[in-house]
Amino acid sequence: MSKLHEQNAFAGRLSEGNDQSTDLHRLFYDGMDSSPAFKELYDRFVSEVVRPNFDFDIIFQTYPTFRIHQPHNVAVFAYHRDRDYNHHPKEINVFLPMTDAYETNTFWIESVEGLEDYTPAEAAFGEILIFDGANLRHGNKENGTGHTRVSFDFRVMDVADYDEEHQLSLTSKTKGKRFIIGEYFQALD
């Protein structure tokens, strides 16, 4: 997958509004939407691998977000905090690289809110990173590694912080889903 760009390069630089709508993104999302096996595997992964990292009950993003960070490009258009896009400030991000994520092919994140001292969030294939993407600014540099990074990310939240009345009024930027259980989020079975 780290050589994906050799077979399937993006036409042009990603920009606002198209960082989730390339042909490769559509191929992934169409396949994911039509695959009960993928959904079952993802749900099991959250339950068996992610959930044990928390000492509270969680809800989680119903479907993960797919990222492709090809050489000479970015995977996400702008540096941001997820709460800038209607996400609850108590959401916690989980990053799952399907290729090694390092140097400029990974995302960069500040250590303290407002400090803007960005460092690369490096992880090898098979590792997960859990971070405060709701409140810490993060984004991508142009990938100068010569290797494509393919990854998933998704959000979890403490069930105790979930406020359906508040969540009903907010929608996700890319899919227009309300941040409620049954749309953007689901509970563990």
N, C-alpha and C. Protein backbone atom coordinates (compact mmCIF):
# COMPACT_ATOMS: atom_id res chain seq x y z
N MET A 1 0.80 -1.19 0.00
CA MET A 1 0.00 0.00 0.00
C MET A 1 0.85 1.26 0.00
N SER A 2 2.07 1.18 0.53
CA SER A 2 2.91 2.37 0.57
C SER A 2 3.36 2.81 -0.82
N LYS A 3 3.14 1.97 -1.82
CA LYS A 3 3.47 2.31 -3.21
C LYS A 3 2.21 2.54 -4.05
N LEU A 4 1.10 2.74 -3.39
CA LEU A 4 -0.19 2.95 -4.05
C LEU A 4 -0.12 4.07 -5.08
N HIS A 5 0.64 5.10 -4.81
CA HIS A 5 0.76 6.24 -5.72
C HIS A 5 1.35 5.86 -7.07
N GLU A 6 2.10 4.76 -7.13
CA GLU A 6 2.69 4.35 -8.40
C GLU A 6 1.64 3.81 -9.36
N GLN A 7 0.54 3.31 -8.83
CA GLN A 7 -0.53 2.77 -9.66
C GLN A 7 -1.74 3.70 -9.76
N ASN A 8 -1.91 4.54 -8.74
CA ASN A 8 -3.15 5.29 -8.62
C ASN A 8 -2.90 6.67 -8.01
N ALA A 9 -2.27 7.54 -8.76
CA ALA A 9 -1.96 8.88 -8.23
C ALA A 9 -3.18 9.78 -8.33
N PHE A 10 -3.34 10.65 -7.35
CA PHE A 10 -4.41 11.65 -7.40
C PHE A 10 -4.14 12.61 -8.54
N ALA A 11 -5.18 13.10 -9.14
CA ALA A 11 -5.05 14.13 -10.17
C ALA A 11 -5.12 15.48 -9.46
N GLY A 12 -3.97 16.03 -9.14
CA GLY A 12 -3.94 17.34 -8.50
C GLY A 12 -3.86 17.25 -6.99
N ARG A 13 -3.62 18.39 -6.39
CA ARG A 13 -3.46 18.49 -4.94
C ARG A 13 -4.83 18.48 -4.27
N LEU A 14 -4.92 17.76 -3.15
CA LEU A 14 -6.16 17.78 -2.39
C LEU A 14 -6.42 19.18 -1.87
N SER A 15 -7.68 19.53 -1.78
CA SER A 15 -8.05 20.86 -1.28
C SER A 15 -9.35 20.75 -0.50
N GLU A 16 -9.77 21.85 0.06
CA GLU A 16 -11.00 21.84 0.85
C GLU A 16 -12.15 21.30 0.00
N GLY A 17 -12.84 20.33 0.57
CA GLY A 17 -13.99 19.76 -0.12
C GLY A 17 -13.70 18.51 -0.94
N ASN A 18 -12.41 18.24 -1.26
CA ASN A 18 -12.14 17.03 -2.03
C ASN A 18 -11.20 16.07 -1.33
N ASP A 19 -10.91 16.30 -0.04
CA ASP A 19 -9.97 15.41 0.64
C ASP A 19 -10.62 14.11 1.11
N GLN A 20 -11.89 13.93 0.82
CA GLN A 20 -12.57 12.66 1.08
C GLN A 20 -13.35 12.17 -0.14
N SER A 21 -13.04 12.71 -1.32
CA SER A 21 -13.87 12.38 -2.48
C SER A 21 -13.08 11.98 -3.72
N THR A 22 -11.84 11.51 -3.54
CA THR A 22 -11.09 11.03 -4.70
C THR A 22 -11.64 9.68 -5.14
N ASP A 23 -11.20 9.21 -6.29
CA ASP A 23 -11.63 7.89 -6.76
C ASP A 23 -11.27 6.79 -5.77
N LEU A 24 -10.09 6.89 -5.14
CA LEU A 24 -9.68 5.87 -4.16
C LEU A 24 -10.57 5.92 -2.92
N HIS A 25 -10.95 7.12 -2.48
CA HIS A 25 -11.87 7.22 -1.35
C HIS A 25 -13.22 6.61 -1.70
N ARG A 26 -13.72 6.93 -2.88
CA ARG A 26 -15.02 6.38 -3.29
C ARG A 26 -14.96 4.86 -3.35
N LEU A 27 -13.88 4.32 -3.89
CA LEU A 27 -13.72 2.86 -3.98
C LEU A 27 -13.77 2.25 -2.58
N PHE A 28 -13.04 2.86 -1.63
CA PHE A 28 -13.05 2.34 -0.27
C PHE A 28 -14.44 2.46 0.36
N TYR A 29 -15.02 3.65 0.32
CA TYR A 29 -16.30 3.86 1.00
C TYR A 29 -17.42 3.03 0.36
N ASP A 30 -17.42 2.90 -0.95
CA ASP A 30 -18.43 2.05 -1.60
C ASP A 30 -18.26 0.60 -1.17
N GLY A 31 -17.01 0.14 -1.11
CA GLY A 31 -16.75 -1.23 -0.66
C GLY A 31 -17.12 -1.45 0.79
N MET A 32 -16.79 -0.47 1.63
CA MET A 32 -17.11 -0.57 3.06
C MET A 32 -18.62 -0.61 3.27
N ASP A 33 -19.33 0.25 2.57
CA ASP A 33 -20.79 0.33 2.73
C ASP A 33 -21.49 -0.96 2.30
N SER A 34 -20.88 -1.69 1.39
CA SER A 34 -21.52 -2.91 0.89
C SER A 34 -20.97 -4.18 1.51
N SER A 35 -20.13 -4.04 2.54
CA SER A 35 -19.48 -5.21 3.12
C SER A 35 -19.84 -5.40 4.59
N PRO A 36 -20.80 -6.26 4.88
CA PRO A 36 -21.08 -6.56 6.28
C PRO A 36 -19.86 -7.13 7.01
N ALA A 37 -18.98 -7.83 6.28
CA ALA A 37 -17.79 -8.42 6.90
C ALA A 37 -16.85 -7.31 7.39
N PHE A 38 -16.70 -6.23 6.62
CA PHE A 38 -15.85 -5.12 7.07
C PHE A 38 -16.43 -4.50 8.34
N LYS A 39 -17.72 -4.25 8.34
CA LYS A 39 -18.37 -3.63 9.49
C LYS A 39 -18.23 -4.52 10.73
N GLU A 40 -18.39 -5.80 10.55
CA GLU A 40 -18.25 -6.74 11.67
C GLU A 40 -16.82 -6.72 12.21
N LEU A 41 -15.84 -6.71 11.32
CA LEU A 41 -14.43 -6.68 11.73
C LEU A 41 -14.11 -5.37 12.45
N TYR A 42 -14.57 -4.25 11.92
CA TYR A 42 -14.35 -2.95 12.55
C TYR A 42 -14.97 -2.91 13.94
N ASP A 43 -16.21 -3.33 14.08
CA ASP A 43 -16.88 -3.33 15.39
C ASP A 43 -16.12 -4.20 16.39
N ARG A 44 -15.67 -5.36 15.92
CA ARG A 44 -14.91 -6.26 16.80
C ARG A 44 -13.57 -5.64 17.20
N PHE A 45 -12.92 -4.96 16.27
CA PHE A 45 -11.66 -4.27 16.56
C PHE A 45 -11.87 -3.22 17.65
N VAL A 46 -12.91 -2.42 17.53
CA VAL A 46 -13.18 -1.40 18.55
C VAL A 46 -13.44 -2.07 19.90
N SER A 47 -14.22 -3.12 19.90
CA SER A 47 -14.57 -3.80 21.14
C SER A 47 -13.36 -4.48 21.80
N GLU A 48 -12.57 -5.19 21.01
CA GLU A 48 -11.50 -6.02 21.57
C GLU A 48 -10.14 -5.31 21.70
N VAL A 49 -9.87 -4.33 20.85
CA VAL A 49 -8.56 -3.68 20.86
C VAL A 49 -8.63 -2.26 21.43
N VAL A 50 -9.61 -1.49 21.01
CA VAL A 50 -9.67 -0.08 21.42
C VAL A 50 -10.30 0.07 22.80
N ARG A 51 -11.44 -0.54 23.03
CA ARG A 51 -12.18 -0.39 24.30
C ARG A 51 -11.33 -0.64 25.54
N PRO A 52 -10.45 -1.66 25.57
CA PRO A 52 -9.64 -1.91 26.77
C PRO A 52 -8.69 -0.77 27.15
N ASN A 53 -8.49 0.22 26.26
CA ASN A 53 -7.63 1.35 26.57
C ASN A 53 -8.29 2.40 27.45
N PHE A 54 -9.57 2.22 27.74
CA PHE A 54 -10.32 3.22 28.50
C PHE A 54 -10.92 2.60 29.75
N ASP A 55 -11.01 3.39 30.80
CA ASP A 55 -11.60 2.90 32.05
C ASP A 55 -13.05 3.38 32.18
N PHE A 56 -13.70 3.60 31.04
CA PHE A 56 -15.11 4.01 31.01
C PHE A 56 -15.75 3.39 29.77
N ASP A 57 -17.07 3.35 29.77
CA ASP A 57 -17.81 2.83 28.61
C ASP A 57 -17.78 3.85 27.49
N ILE A 58 -17.62 3.37 26.25
CA ILE A 58 -17.51 4.28 25.11
C ILE A 58 -18.63 4.08 24.10
N ILE A 59 -18.87 5.15 23.35
CA ILE A 59 -19.56 5.05 22.07
C ILE A 59 -18.49 5.32 21.03
N PHE A 60 -18.74 4.92 19.78
CA PHE A 60 -17.70 5.10 18.76
C PHE A 60 -18.31 5.44 17.42
N GLN A 61 -17.47 6.04 16.56
CA GLN A 61 -17.87 6.43 15.22
C GLN A 61 -18.33 5.20 14.47
N THR A 62 -19.53 5.25 13.91
CA THR A 62 -20.14 4.09 13.27
C THR A 62 -19.29 3.50 12.15
N TYR A 63 -18.71 4.37 11.32
CA TYR A 63 -17.79 3.94 10.26
C TYR A 63 -16.53 4.78 10.35
N PRO A 64 -15.37 4.18 10.16
CA PRO A 64 -14.13 4.95 10.26
C PRO A 64 -13.96 5.88 9.05
N THR A 65 -13.09 6.87 9.23
CA THR A 65 -12.70 7.76 8.14
C THR A 65 -11.44 7.18 7.50
N PHE A 66 -11.40 7.20 6.19
CA PHE A 66 -10.30 6.63 5.41
C PHE A 66 -9.40 7.77 4.93
N ARG A 67 -8.09 7.60 5.09
CA ARG A 67 -7.13 8.63 4.68
C ARG A 67 -6.07 8.03 3.75
N ILE A 68 -5.71 8.79 2.74
CA ILE A 68 -4.62 8.43 1.83
C ILE A 68 -3.73 9.66 1.74
N HIS A 69 -2.46 9.49 2.09
CA HIS A 69 -1.51 10.61 2.07
C HIS A 69 -0.39 10.26 1.10
N GLN A 70 -0.59 10.64 -0.16
CA GLN A 70 0.36 10.30 -1.21
C GLN A 70 1.51 11.30 -1.26
N PRO A 71 2.64 10.88 -1.84
CA PRO A 71 3.77 11.81 -1.99
C PRO A 71 3.35 13.10 -2.72
N HIS A 72 3.93 14.21 -2.30
CA HIS A 72 3.68 15.53 -2.88
C HIS A 72 2.24 15.98 -2.71
N ASN A 73 1.59 15.48 -1.67
CA ASN A 73 0.20 15.82 -1.43
C ASN A 73 -0.05 15.82 0.08
N VAL A 74 -1.27 16.11 0.47
CA VAL A 74 -1.72 16.06 1.86
C VAL A 74 -2.90 15.09 1.93
N ALA A 75 -3.23 14.67 3.13
CA ALA A 75 -4.39 13.78 3.31
C ALA A 75 -5.60 14.55 3.82
N VAL A 76 -5.34 15.62 4.53
CA VAL A 76 -6.40 16.48 5.07
C VAL A 76 -6.04 17.91 4.69
N PHE A 77 -7.02 18.64 4.22
CA PHE A 77 -6.78 19.96 3.64
C PHE A 77 -6.12 20.95 4.58
N ALA A 78 -6.59 21.09 5.82
CA ALA A 78 -6.12 22.18 6.67
C ALA A 78 -5.81 21.70 8.08
N TYR A 79 -4.90 22.39 8.76
CA TYR A 79 -4.69 22.16 10.19
C TYR A 79 -5.96 22.59 10.91
N HIS A 80 -6.35 21.81 11.90
CA HIS A 80 -7.65 22.05 12.54
C HIS A 80 -7.70 21.35 13.89
N ARG A 81 -8.69 21.69 14.66
CA ARG A 81 -9.13 20.92 15.82
C ARG A 81 -10.47 20.34 15.39
N ASP A 82 -10.77 19.13 15.75
CA ASP A 82 -12.03 18.53 15.31
C ASP A 82 -13.24 19.32 15.79
N ARG A 83 -13.13 19.95 16.94
CA ARG A 83 -14.27 20.74 17.43
C ARG A 83 -14.56 21.93 16.51
N ASP A 84 -13.58 22.34 15.67
CA ASP A 84 -13.83 23.39 14.68
C ASP A 84 -14.88 22.93 13.66
N TYR A 85 -15.09 21.62 13.57
CA TYR A 85 -16.03 21.02 12.62
C TYR A 85 -17.18 20.33 13.34
N ASN A 86 -17.63 20.93 14.44
CA ASN A 86 -18.81 20.49 15.19
C ASN A 86 -18.60 19.28 16.09
N HIS A 87 -17.41 18.72 16.15
CA HIS A 87 -17.19 17.57 17.02
C HIS A 87 -17.21 18.00 18.49
N HIS A 88 -17.69 17.12 19.32
CA HIS A 88 -17.76 17.36 20.76
C HIS A 88 -16.34 17.47 21.32
N PRO A 89 -16.07 18.43 22.21
CA PRO A 89 -14.71 18.59 22.75
C PRO A 89 -14.25 17.41 23.61
N LYS A 90 -15.14 16.50 23.96
CA LYS A 90 -14.76 15.33 24.76
C LYS A 90 -14.49 14.09 23.89
N GLU A 91 -14.61 14.23 22.57
CA GLU A 91 -14.29 13.10 21.70
C GLU A 91 -12.80 12.81 21.75
N ILE A 92 -12.45 11.56 21.57
CA ILE A 92 -11.06 11.10 21.58
C ILE A 92 -10.82 10.43 20.23
N ASN A 93 -9.70 10.76 19.59
CA ASN A 93 -9.39 10.21 18.27
C ASN A 93 -8.54 8.95 18.39
N VAL A 94 -8.79 8.04 17.47
CA VAL A 94 -7.99 6.82 17.34
C VAL A 94 -7.46 6.79 15.91
N PHE A 95 -6.15 6.64 15.77
CA PHE A 95 -5.46 6.62 14.48
C PHE A 95 -4.91 5.22 14.27
N LEU A 96 -5.27 4.60 13.15
CA LEU A 96 -4.85 3.25 12.82
C LEU A 96 -4.20 3.25 11.44
N PRO A 97 -2.86 3.31 11.38
CA PRO A 97 -2.20 3.30 10.08
C PRO A 97 -2.16 1.89 9.48
N MET A 98 -2.43 1.81 8.19
CA MET A 98 -2.33 0.54 7.47
C MET A 98 -0.97 0.41 6.79
N THR A 99 -0.19 1.47 6.85
CA THR A 99 1.20 1.50 6.40
C THR A 99 1.97 2.25 7.50
N ASP A 100 3.27 2.17 7.50
CA ASP A 100 4.03 2.94 8.47
C ASP A 100 3.74 4.43 8.28
N ALA A 101 3.55 5.13 9.39
CA ALA A 101 3.25 6.57 9.36
C ALA A 101 4.41 7.28 10.05
N TYR A 102 5.13 8.10 9.30
CA TYR A 102 6.34 8.72 9.83
C TYR A 102 6.66 9.99 9.05
N GLU A 103 7.52 10.80 9.64
CA GLU A 103 7.99 12.05 9.03
C GLU A 103 6.83 12.83 8.41
N THR A 104 6.92 13.13 7.13
CA THR A 104 5.88 13.97 6.50
C THR A 104 4.72 13.16 5.90
N ASN A 105 4.70 11.86 6.05
CA ASN A 105 3.53 11.11 5.55
C ASN A 105 2.53 10.80 6.66
N THR A 106 2.75 11.33 7.84
CA THR A 106 1.80 11.18 8.93
C THR A 106 1.19 12.54 9.26
N PHE A 107 0.30 12.57 10.22
CA PHE A 107 -0.22 13.87 10.64
C PHE A 107 0.70 14.46 11.71
N TRP A 108 0.63 15.77 11.84
CA TRP A 108 1.43 16.51 12.81
C TRP A 108 0.48 17.13 13.82
N ILE A 109 0.88 17.16 15.09
CA ILE A 109 -0.02 17.61 16.15
C ILE A 109 0.73 18.46 17.17
N GLU A 110 0.03 19.44 17.71
CA GLU A 110 0.63 20.26 18.77
C GLU A 110 0.57 19.50 20.10
N SER A 111 1.47 19.83 21.02
CA SER A 111 1.53 19.11 22.30
C SER A 111 0.55 19.66 23.32
N VAL A 112 0.28 20.95 23.25
CA VAL A 112 -0.62 21.64 24.16
C VAL A 112 -1.48 22.57 23.32
N GLU A 113 -2.76 22.65 23.64
CA GLU A 113 -3.65 23.50 22.85
C GLU A 113 -3.11 24.92 22.75
N GLY A 114 -3.00 25.40 21.51
CA GLY A 114 -2.55 26.76 21.25
C GLY A 114 -1.06 26.93 21.10
N LEU A 115 -0.27 25.91 21.43
CA LEU A 115 1.19 26.04 21.38
C LEU A 115 1.74 25.98 19.95
N GLU A 116 1.08 25.25 19.08
CA GLU A 116 1.46 25.11 17.67
C GLU A 116 2.90 24.64 17.48
N ASP A 117 3.36 23.76 18.36
CA ASP A 117 4.70 23.17 18.31
C ASP A 117 4.61 21.79 17.65
N TYR A 118 4.17 21.73 16.43
CA TYR A 118 3.81 20.48 15.76
C TYR A 118 4.96 19.49 15.66
N THR A 119 4.63 18.23 15.98
CA THR A 119 5.56 17.12 15.81
C THR A 119 4.82 15.99 15.11
N PRO A 120 5.54 15.14 14.39
CA PRO A 120 4.88 14.05 13.67
C PRO A 120 4.36 12.98 14.64
N ALA A 121 3.14 12.52 14.37
CA ALA A 121 2.55 11.42 15.15
C ALA A 121 2.92 10.12 14.44
N GLU A 122 4.05 9.56 14.83
CA GLU A 122 4.59 8.39 14.14
C GLU A 122 4.05 7.10 14.74
N ALA A 123 3.71 6.17 13.84
CA ALA A 123 3.23 4.85 14.27
C ALA A 123 3.53 3.86 13.15
N ALA A 124 3.87 2.67 13.54
CA ALA A 124 4.11 1.60 12.57
C ALA A 124 2.80 0.88 12.28
N PHE A 125 2.77 0.21 11.15
CA PHE A 125 1.63 -0.64 10.82
C PHE A 125 1.38 -1.58 12.00
N GLY A 126 0.14 -1.68 12.43
CA GLY A 126 -0.22 -2.55 13.56
C GLY A 126 -0.33 -1.83 14.88
N GLU A 127 0.12 -0.58 14.95
CA GLU A 127 -0.02 0.21 16.17
C GLU A 127 -1.23 1.13 16.05
N ILE A 128 -1.74 1.58 17.19
CA ILE A 128 -2.77 2.62 17.18
C ILE A 128 -2.26 3.78 18.03
N LEU A 129 -2.69 4.98 17.66
CA LEU A 129 -2.41 6.16 18.46
C LEU A 129 -3.75 6.72 18.93
N ILE A 130 -3.82 7.05 20.19
CA ILE A 130 -5.02 7.65 20.77
C ILE A 130 -4.63 9.07 21.16
N PHE A 131 -5.39 10.07 20.69
CA PHE A 131 -5.00 11.45 20.93
C PHE A 131 -6.22 12.37 21.02
N ASP A 132 -5.99 13.57 21.50
CA ASP A 132 -7.04 14.56 21.71
C ASP A 132 -7.19 15.45 20.48
N GLY A 133 -7.71 14.88 19.40
CA GLY A 133 -7.89 15.63 18.15
C GLY A 133 -9.01 16.65 18.22
N ALA A 134 -9.88 16.53 19.19
CA ALA A 134 -10.96 17.51 19.33
C ALA A 134 -10.40 18.87 19.75
N ASN A 135 -9.31 18.87 20.52
CA ASN A 135 -8.81 20.10 21.11
C ASN A 135 -7.40 20.50 20.70
N LEU A 136 -6.62 19.55 20.20
CA LEU A 136 -5.26 19.86 19.76
C LEU A 136 -5.25 20.01 18.24
N ARG A 137 -4.69 21.11 17.78
CA ARG A 137 -4.62 21.37 16.34
C ARG A 137 -3.70 20.32 15.70
N HIS A 138 -4.13 19.80 14.57
CA HIS A 138 -3.36 18.79 13.86
C HIS A 138 -3.64 18.90 12.37
N GLY A 139 -2.75 18.35 11.57
CA GLY A 139 -2.90 18.40 10.12
C GLY A 139 -1.73 17.72 9.45
N ASN A 140 -1.64 17.94 8.15
CA ASN A 140 -0.60 17.28 7.36
C ASN A 140 0.35 18.28 6.74
N LYS A 141 1.58 17.83 6.59
CA LYS A 141 2.55 18.52 5.74
C LYS A 141 2.52 17.81 4.39
N GLU A 142 3.06 18.47 3.39
CA GLU A 142 3.18 17.80 2.10
C GLU A 142 4.08 16.58 2.29
N ASN A 143 3.64 15.44 1.81
CA ASN A 143 4.36 14.18 1.98
C ASN A 143 5.61 14.17 1.10
N GLY A 144 6.76 14.22 1.73
CA GLY A 144 8.03 14.18 1.02
C GLY A 144 8.77 12.86 1.18
N THR A 145 8.11 11.84 1.69
CA THR A 145 8.80 10.57 1.98
C THR A 145 8.95 9.65 0.77
N GLY A 146 8.13 9.84 -0.25
CA GLY A 146 8.14 8.90 -1.37
C GLY A 146 7.28 7.68 -1.12
N HIS A 147 6.59 7.64 0.03
CA HIS A 147 5.71 6.52 0.37
C HIS A 147 4.31 7.04 0.72
N THR A 148 3.31 6.34 0.24
CA THR A 148 1.93 6.68 0.57
C THR A 148 1.60 6.14 1.96
N ARG A 149 0.90 6.97 2.73
CA ARG A 149 0.34 6.50 4.00
C ARG A 149 -1.14 6.24 3.81
N VAL A 150 -1.57 5.05 4.20
CA VAL A 150 -2.99 4.69 4.18
C VAL A 150 -3.38 4.45 5.63
N SER A 151 -4.49 5.04 6.06
CA SER A 151 -4.89 4.90 7.45
C SER A 151 -6.39 5.06 7.62
N PHE A 152 -6.83 4.66 8.79
CA PHE A 152 -8.19 4.91 9.26
C PHE A 152 -8.08 5.79 10.49
N ASP A 153 -9.07 6.60 10.71
CA ASP A 153 -9.20 7.24 12.01
C ASP A 153 -10.67 7.28 12.38
N PHE A 154 -10.91 7.32 13.65
CA PHE A 154 -12.29 7.38 14.14
C PHE A 154 -12.28 7.95 15.54
N ARG A 155 -13.46 8.28 16.01
CA ARG A 155 -13.59 8.92 17.30
C ARG A 155 -14.39 8.06 18.26
N VAL A 156 -14.04 8.18 19.52
CA VAL A 156 -14.79 7.52 20.60
C VAL A 156 -15.11 8.60 21.64
N MET A 157 -16.04 8.29 22.50
CA MET A 157 -16.41 9.24 23.56
C MET A 157 -16.95 8.46 24.74
N ASP A 158 -16.68 8.96 25.92
CA ASP A 158 -17.22 8.40 27.16
C ASP A 158 -18.74 8.52 27.09
N VAL A 159 -19.43 7.44 27.34
CA VAL A 159 -20.89 7.45 27.34
C VAL A 159 -21.42 8.53 28.29
N ALA A 160 -20.73 8.76 29.39
CA ALA A 160 -21.18 9.76 30.38
C ALA A 160 -21.15 11.19 29.82
N ASP A 161 -20.35 11.44 28.78
CA ASP A 161 -20.27 12.77 28.18
C ASP A 161 -21.27 12.97 27.04
N TYR A 162 -21.94 11.90 26.66
CA TYR A 162 -22.88 11.97 25.54
C TYR A 162 -24.16 12.69 25.98
N ASP A 163 -24.51 13.73 25.23
CA ASP A 163 -25.71 14.54 25.51
C ASP A 163 -26.51 14.62 24.22
N GLU A 164 -27.46 13.70 24.06
CA GLU A 164 -28.18 13.61 22.80
C GLU A 164 -28.87 14.91 22.41
N GLU A 165 -29.43 15.62 23.37
CA GLU A 165 -30.12 16.87 23.04
C GLU A 165 -29.15 17.86 22.38
N HIS A 166 -27.95 17.97 22.94
CA HIS A 166 -26.93 18.85 22.35
C HIS A 166 -26.45 18.29 21.01
N GLN A 167 -26.20 16.98 20.96
CA GLN A 167 -25.64 16.35 19.77
C GLN A 167 -26.60 16.43 18.58
N LEU A 168 -27.90 16.46 18.82
CA LEU A 168 -28.89 16.51 17.73
C LEU A 168 -28.73 17.74 16.86
N SER A 169 -28.24 18.83 17.42
CA SER A 169 -28.15 20.08 16.68
C SER A 169 -26.89 20.20 15.82
N LEU A 170 -25.97 19.23 15.92
CA LEU A 170 -24.70 19.31 15.21
C LEU A 170 -24.61 18.22 14.15
N THR A 171 -23.98 18.53 13.02
CA THR A 171 -23.80 17.54 11.97
C THR A 171 -22.35 17.51 11.52
N SER A 172 -21.95 16.35 11.00
CA SER A 172 -20.58 16.19 10.51
C SER A 172 -20.42 16.94 9.19
N LYS A 173 -19.22 17.43 8.96
CA LYS A 173 -18.95 18.25 7.78
C LYS A 173 -19.04 17.46 6.48
N THR A 174 -18.50 16.24 6.45
CA THR A 174 -18.43 15.54 5.17
C THR A 174 -19.70 14.76 4.82
N LYS A 175 -20.36 14.18 5.80
CA LYS A 175 -21.53 13.34 5.51
C LYS A 175 -22.85 13.93 5.98
N GLY A 176 -22.80 15.00 6.75
CA GLY A 176 -24.02 15.62 7.25
C GLY A 176 -24.76 14.77 8.27
N LYS A 177 -24.06 13.85 8.92
CA LYS A 177 -24.67 12.98 9.95
C LYS A 177 -24.75 13.74 11.28
N ARG A 178 -25.84 13.55 11.99
CA ARG A 178 -25.94 14.12 13.33
C ARG A 178 -25.05 13.30 14.27
N PHE A 179 -24.46 13.96 15.24
CA PHE A 179 -23.52 13.31 16.16
C PHE A 179 -24.29 12.57 17.27
N ILE A 180 -25.18 11.68 16.85
CA ILE A 180 -25.99 10.93 17.81
C ILE A 180 -25.80 9.43 17.58
N ILE A 181 -26.14 8.66 18.61
CA ILE A 181 -26.13 7.21 18.49
C ILE A 181 -27.20 6.83 17.47
N GLY A 182 -26.83 6.03 16.51
CA GLY A 182 -27.73 5.65 15.43
C GLY A 182 -27.41 6.35 14.12
N GLU A 183 -26.58 7.39 14.19
CA GLU A 183 -26.10 8.06 12.97
C GLU A 183 -24.57 8.07 12.99
N TYR A 184 -23.96 9.13 13.50
CA TYR A 184 -22.51 9.22 13.52
C TYR A 184 -21.89 8.23 14.51
N PHE A 185 -22.53 8.04 15.65
CA PHE A 185 -22.01 7.16 16.70
C PHE A 185 -22.84 5.91 16.85
N GLN A 186 -22.23 4.91 17.45
CA GLN A 186 -22.95 3.71 17.88
C GLN A 186 -22.39 3.26 19.21
N ALA A 187 -23.22 2.53 19.94
CA ALA A 187 -22.80 1.97 21.23
C ALA A 187 -22.19 0.60 21.00
N LEU A 188 -21.32 0.19 21.89
CA LEU A 188 -20.79 -1.18 21.83
C LEU A 188 -21.91 -2.16 22.19
N ASP A 189 -21.91 -3.28 21.51
CA ASP A 189 -22.90 -4.32 21.84
C ASP A 189 -22.48 -5.09 23.07
